[in-house]
N, C-alpha and C. Protein backbone atom coordinates (compact mmCIF):
# COMPACT_ATOMS: atom_id res chain seq x y z
N UNK A 1 114.77 90.58 142.01
CA UNK A 1 114.07 89.43 141.47
C UNK A 1 114.21 89.45 139.95
N UNK A 2 114.63 88.35 139.36
CA UNK A 2 114.76 88.32 137.89
C UNK A 2 113.39 88.35 137.22
N UNK A 3 113.36 88.84 135.98
CA UNK A 3 112.10 88.86 135.25
C UNK A 3 111.71 87.45 134.83
N UNK A 4 110.43 87.27 134.61
CA UNK A 4 109.90 85.97 134.20
C UNK A 4 109.89 85.89 132.68
N UNK A 5 109.76 84.68 132.13
CA UNK A 5 109.69 84.54 130.67
C UNK A 5 108.49 85.28 130.10
N UNK A 6 108.56 85.62 128.84
CA UNK A 6 107.48 86.31 128.16
C UNK A 6 106.22 85.44 128.17
N UNK A 7 105.09 86.07 128.49
CA UNK A 7 103.80 85.38 128.48
C UNK A 7 102.97 85.95 127.34
N UNK A 8 102.04 85.16 126.85
CA UNK A 8 101.16 85.73 125.83
C UNK A 8 99.90 86.27 126.50
N UNK A 9 99.15 87.08 125.79
CA UNK A 9 97.99 87.75 126.36
C UNK A 9 96.95 86.76 126.86
N UNK A 10 96.83 85.62 126.23
CA UNK A 10 95.85 84.62 126.64
C UNK A 10 96.09 84.16 128.08
N UNK A 11 97.35 84.10 128.50
CA UNK A 11 97.66 83.70 129.88
C UNK A 11 97.15 84.75 130.86
N UNK A 12 97.35 86.03 130.54
CA UNK A 12 96.83 87.10 131.39
C UNK A 12 95.31 87.10 131.36
N UNK A 13 94.74 86.95 130.17
CA UNK A 13 93.30 87.00 130.00
C UNK A 13 92.59 85.87 130.74
N UNK A 14 93.29 84.78 131.01
CA UNK A 14 92.70 83.65 131.73
C UNK A 14 92.48 83.98 133.21
N UNK A 15 93.19 84.96 133.74
CA UNK A 15 93.04 85.35 135.15
C UNK A 15 91.82 86.25 135.31
N UNK A 16 91.01 85.95 136.31
CA UNK A 16 89.84 86.78 136.62
C UNK A 16 90.20 87.57 137.88
N UNK A 17 90.64 88.81 137.68
CA UNK A 17 91.08 89.67 138.79
C UNK A 17 89.98 90.68 139.06
N UNK A 18 89.44 90.65 140.28
CA UNK A 18 88.29 91.48 140.64
C UNK A 18 88.58 92.30 141.90
N UNK A 19 87.78 93.35 142.06
CA UNK A 19 87.86 94.18 143.26
C UNK A 19 86.85 93.67 144.29
N UNK A 20 87.34 93.50 145.51
CA UNK A 20 86.48 93.12 146.63
C UNK A 20 86.74 94.03 147.81
N UNK A 21 85.85 93.97 148.79
CA UNK A 21 86.01 94.75 150.02
C UNK A 21 86.14 93.77 151.19
N UNK A 22 87.18 93.96 151.99
CA UNK A 22 87.39 93.12 153.17
C UNK A 22 86.31 93.46 154.20
N UNK A 23 85.56 92.44 154.62
CA UNK A 23 84.47 92.65 155.56
C UNK A 23 84.72 92.01 156.92
N UNK A 24 85.67 91.09 157.00
CA UNK A 24 85.99 90.47 158.28
C UNK A 24 87.43 89.97 158.24
N UNK A 25 88.12 90.09 159.37
CA UNK A 25 89.51 89.62 159.48
C UNK A 25 89.68 88.92 160.82
N UNK A 26 90.26 87.74 160.77
CA UNK A 26 90.55 87.02 162.01
C UNK A 26 91.86 86.26 161.84
N UNK A 27 92.43 85.82 162.95
CA UNK A 27 93.66 85.04 162.89
C UNK A 27 93.35 83.68 162.26
N UNK A 28 94.18 83.27 161.33
CA UNK A 28 94.01 81.96 160.69
C UNK A 28 94.70 80.89 161.53
N UNK A 29 94.20 79.68 161.42
CA UNK A 29 94.79 78.55 162.14
C UNK A 29 95.87 77.91 161.27
N UNK A 30 96.95 78.66 161.02
CA UNK A 30 98.06 78.18 160.19
C UNK A 30 99.36 78.27 160.98
N UNK A 31 100.40 77.60 160.48
CA UNK A 31 101.70 77.65 161.16
C UNK A 31 102.29 79.04 161.12
N UNK A 32 102.27 79.67 159.93
CA UNK A 32 102.77 81.03 159.79
C UNK A 32 101.71 82.02 160.28
N UNK A 33 102.13 83.17 160.82
CA UNK A 33 101.14 84.17 161.20
C UNK A 33 100.40 84.69 159.96
N UNK A 34 99.13 84.37 159.89
CA UNK A 34 98.33 84.67 158.72
C UNK A 34 96.95 85.14 159.15
N UNK A 35 96.33 85.98 158.34
CA UNK A 35 94.95 86.38 158.57
C UNK A 35 94.03 85.57 157.67
N UNK A 36 92.84 85.32 158.16
CA UNK A 36 91.73 84.75 157.38
C UNK A 36 90.78 85.91 157.13
N UNK A 37 90.70 86.34 155.86
CA UNK A 37 89.90 87.51 155.51
C UNK A 37 88.68 87.10 154.69
N UNK A 38 87.52 87.62 155.06
CA UNK A 38 86.32 87.43 154.27
C UNK A 38 86.18 88.67 153.39
N UNK A 39 86.02 88.43 152.09
CA UNK A 39 86.02 89.52 151.11
C UNK A 39 84.72 89.48 150.32
N UNK A 40 84.05 90.62 150.24
CA UNK A 40 82.79 90.76 149.50
C UNK A 40 83.08 91.25 148.09
N UNK A 41 82.63 90.49 147.08
CA UNK A 41 82.81 90.86 145.68
C UNK A 41 81.52 91.31 145.01
N UNK A 42 80.48 91.55 145.79
CA UNK A 42 79.22 91.99 145.22
C UNK A 42 78.31 90.81 144.93
N UNK A 43 77.12 91.13 144.38
CA UNK A 43 76.06 90.13 144.20
C UNK A 43 76.43 88.98 143.28
N UNK A 44 77.15 89.22 142.21
CA UNK A 44 77.44 88.16 141.24
C UNK A 44 78.39 87.09 141.77
N UNK A 45 79.36 87.48 142.57
CA UNK A 45 80.37 86.54 143.08
C UNK A 45 80.12 86.19 144.55
N UNK A 46 79.64 87.15 145.32
CA UNK A 46 79.38 86.92 146.74
C UNK A 46 80.64 87.11 147.57
N UNK A 47 80.66 86.48 148.74
CA UNK A 47 81.82 86.58 149.62
C UNK A 47 82.70 85.35 149.46
N UNK A 48 84.00 85.57 149.59
CA UNK A 48 85.00 84.51 149.51
C UNK A 48 86.01 84.71 150.63
N UNK A 49 86.73 83.66 150.96
CA UNK A 49 87.74 83.70 152.01
C UNK A 49 89.13 83.67 151.39
N UNK A 50 90.03 84.47 151.94
CA UNK A 50 91.43 84.44 151.55
C UNK A 50 92.30 84.41 152.79
N UNK A 51 93.32 83.58 152.78
CA UNK A 51 94.30 83.55 153.87
C UNK A 51 95.57 84.19 153.34
N UNK A 52 96.10 85.17 154.06
CA UNK A 52 97.28 85.85 153.57
C UNK A 52 98.12 86.44 154.68
N UNK A 53 99.36 86.73 154.34
CA UNK A 53 100.34 87.26 155.30
C UNK A 53 100.29 88.79 155.34
N UNK A 54 99.19 89.31 155.80
CA UNK A 54 99.02 90.77 155.91
C UNK A 54 99.08 91.21 157.36
N UNK A 55 99.87 90.51 158.17
CA UNK A 55 99.93 90.75 159.61
C UNK A 55 100.61 92.06 159.98
N UNK A 56 101.22 92.74 159.02
CA UNK A 56 101.79 94.06 159.31
C UNK A 56 100.69 95.11 159.44
N UNK A 57 99.46 94.76 159.09
CA UNK A 57 98.31 95.64 159.27
C UNK A 57 97.52 95.20 160.50
N UNK A 58 97.09 96.14 161.34
CA UNK A 58 96.14 95.74 162.39
C UNK A 58 94.85 95.25 161.73
N UNK A 59 94.22 94.25 162.31
CA UNK A 59 93.00 93.68 161.72
C UNK A 59 91.96 94.76 161.41
N UNK A 60 91.75 95.66 162.36
CA UNK A 60 90.72 96.69 162.21
C UNK A 60 90.97 97.59 161.01
N UNK A 61 92.26 97.81 160.67
CA UNK A 61 92.57 98.72 159.56
C UNK A 61 92.29 98.09 158.20
N UNK A 62 92.16 96.77 158.15
CA UNK A 62 91.86 96.10 156.89
C UNK A 62 90.36 96.09 156.57
N UNK A 63 89.54 96.16 157.60
CA UNK A 63 88.08 96.13 157.39
C UNK A 63 87.68 97.33 156.54
N UNK A 64 86.94 97.06 155.47
CA UNK A 64 86.46 98.12 154.59
C UNK A 64 87.39 98.46 153.44
N UNK A 65 88.60 97.91 153.43
CA UNK A 65 89.55 98.20 152.35
C UNK A 65 89.19 97.43 151.09
N UNK A 66 89.32 98.09 149.95
CA UNK A 66 89.14 97.41 148.68
C UNK A 66 90.48 96.81 148.25
N UNK A 67 90.43 95.57 147.75
CA UNK A 67 91.63 94.86 147.33
C UNK A 67 91.40 94.20 145.98
N UNK A 68 92.48 93.97 145.24
CA UNK A 68 92.42 93.24 143.98
C UNK A 68 92.76 91.78 144.25
N UNK A 69 91.94 90.88 143.70
CA UNK A 69 92.10 89.46 143.97
C UNK A 69 91.90 88.64 142.71
N UNK A 70 92.64 87.53 142.62
CA UNK A 70 92.37 86.54 141.58
C UNK A 70 91.27 85.63 142.14
N UNK A 71 90.13 85.62 141.45
CA UNK A 71 88.98 84.88 141.97
C UNK A 71 88.76 83.53 141.27
N UNK A 72 89.56 83.21 140.25
CA UNK A 72 89.31 81.96 139.53
C UNK A 72 90.43 80.92 139.68
N UNK A 73 91.23 81.02 140.73
CA UNK A 73 92.13 79.92 141.08
C UNK A 73 91.32 78.88 141.85
N UNK A 74 91.72 77.62 141.77
CA UNK A 74 91.08 76.59 142.59
C UNK A 74 91.37 76.88 144.06
N UNK A 75 90.46 76.52 144.97
CA UNK A 75 90.74 76.72 146.39
C UNK A 75 92.05 76.04 146.79
N UNK A 76 92.75 76.67 147.72
CA UNK A 76 94.07 76.17 148.14
C UNK A 76 94.07 75.94 149.65
N UNK A 77 94.46 74.75 150.03
CA UNK A 77 94.52 74.41 151.45
C UNK A 77 95.79 74.99 152.06
N UNK A 78 95.63 75.66 153.19
CA UNK A 78 96.76 76.22 153.94
C UNK A 78 96.62 75.72 155.37
N UNK A 79 97.20 74.54 155.65
CA UNK A 79 96.97 73.89 156.94
C UNK A 79 95.50 73.54 157.03
N UNK A 80 94.85 73.88 158.13
CA UNK A 80 93.42 73.57 158.26
C UNK A 80 92.51 74.57 157.52
N UNK A 81 93.07 75.65 157.01
CA UNK A 81 92.29 76.69 156.33
C UNK A 81 92.22 76.41 154.83
N UNK A 82 91.19 76.97 154.18
CA UNK A 82 91.06 76.92 152.73
C UNK A 82 90.95 78.34 152.22
N UNK A 83 91.84 78.72 151.32
CA UNK A 83 91.84 80.04 150.72
C UNK A 83 91.18 79.93 149.35
N UNK A 84 90.08 80.69 149.15
CA UNK A 84 89.31 80.60 147.91
C UNK A 84 89.76 81.60 146.85
N UNK A 85 90.38 82.70 147.27
CA UNK A 85 90.86 83.73 146.34
C UNK A 85 92.25 84.17 146.77
N UNK A 86 92.99 84.73 145.82
CA UNK A 86 94.33 85.25 146.10
C UNK A 86 94.29 86.77 146.12
N UNK A 87 94.55 87.37 147.28
CA UNK A 87 94.66 88.82 147.38
C UNK A 87 96.04 89.19 146.83
N UNK A 88 96.06 90.10 145.87
CA UNK A 88 97.33 90.51 145.27
C UNK A 88 98.07 91.48 146.18
N UNK A 89 99.38 91.32 146.25
CA UNK A 89 100.19 92.18 147.09
C UNK A 89 101.60 92.32 146.55
N UNK A 90 102.33 93.26 147.12
CA UNK A 90 103.73 93.50 146.79
C UNK A 90 104.50 93.69 148.10
N UNK A 91 105.82 93.40 148.09
CA UNK A 91 106.58 93.60 149.32
C UNK A 91 107.04 95.05 149.46
N UNK A 92 107.04 95.55 150.70
CA UNK A 92 107.66 96.85 150.95
C UNK A 92 109.15 96.64 151.24
N UNK A 93 109.88 97.69 151.60
CA UNK A 93 111.33 97.59 151.82
C UNK A 93 111.67 96.62 152.95
N UNK A 94 110.74 96.45 153.90
CA UNK A 94 110.99 95.54 155.02
C UNK A 94 110.56 94.11 154.70
N UNK A 95 110.03 93.88 153.49
CA UNK A 95 109.59 92.54 153.11
C UNK A 95 108.17 92.22 153.54
N UNK A 96 107.46 93.20 154.10
CA UNK A 96 106.08 92.99 154.52
C UNK A 96 105.16 93.08 153.31
N UNK A 97 104.06 92.34 153.34
CA UNK A 97 103.13 92.32 152.21
C UNK A 97 102.21 93.52 152.26
N UNK A 98 102.16 94.27 151.16
CA UNK A 98 101.28 95.43 151.00
C UNK A 98 100.23 95.04 149.96
N UNK A 99 98.95 95.18 150.32
CA UNK A 99 97.90 94.78 149.38
C UNK A 99 97.77 95.79 148.25
N UNK A 100 97.30 95.30 147.09
CA UNK A 100 97.07 96.13 145.92
C UNK A 100 95.62 96.59 145.95
N UNK A 101 95.43 97.90 145.77
CA UNK A 101 94.10 98.49 145.89
C UNK A 101 93.89 99.54 144.80
N UNK A 102 92.64 99.77 144.39
CA UNK A 102 92.40 100.86 143.43
C UNK A 102 92.69 102.21 144.09
N UNK A 103 93.07 103.20 143.29
CA UNK A 103 93.35 104.54 143.84
C UNK A 103 92.09 105.23 144.33
N UNK A 104 90.95 104.86 143.79
CA UNK A 104 89.66 105.43 144.18
C UNK A 104 88.68 104.29 144.41
N UNK A 105 87.65 104.51 145.23
CA UNK A 105 86.64 103.45 145.41
C UNK A 105 85.96 103.12 144.08
N UNK A 106 85.73 101.83 143.85
CA UNK A 106 85.04 101.36 142.64
C UNK A 106 83.98 100.36 143.06
N UNK A 107 83.10 100.00 142.14
CA UNK A 107 82.06 99.01 142.42
C UNK A 107 82.69 97.67 142.73
N UNK A 108 82.07 96.96 143.67
CA UNK A 108 82.56 95.62 144.01
C UNK A 108 82.36 94.69 142.82
N UNK A 109 83.35 93.83 142.59
CA UNK A 109 83.26 92.83 141.55
C UNK A 109 83.76 93.27 140.18
N UNK A 110 84.13 94.57 140.03
CA UNK A 110 84.62 94.98 138.72
C UNK A 110 85.94 94.29 138.43
N UNK A 111 86.20 94.05 137.15
CA UNK A 111 87.38 93.30 136.72
C UNK A 111 88.52 94.22 136.32
N UNK A 112 89.72 93.80 136.63
CA UNK A 112 90.93 94.45 136.15
C UNK A 112 91.08 94.14 134.67
N UNK A 113 91.50 95.14 133.87
CA UNK A 113 91.75 94.90 132.45
C UNK A 113 93.02 95.59 132.04
């Protein structure tokens, strides 16, 4: 993948990236195989829904995992579903989506800096 153009710090600073814990996972009603995940960000933000292609994980293995998410994008319609936050991920060698997580447990809702 080619690199993207240079961004200034203000563009990064505009993103609100927080840690949440996945509390529920179910199949989403979308054309592509997708999960509908409910993510808890703590008292200040509450729970939000994200739809994502994390089907390489069994649903049960995602419950309780901490993930990094962009919480200040506008909600995005994905077929009949609405995704309120973007769970950050990277592809593995097989092209499957691997979620980004802190190396150690942290408080819910803390921001990436």
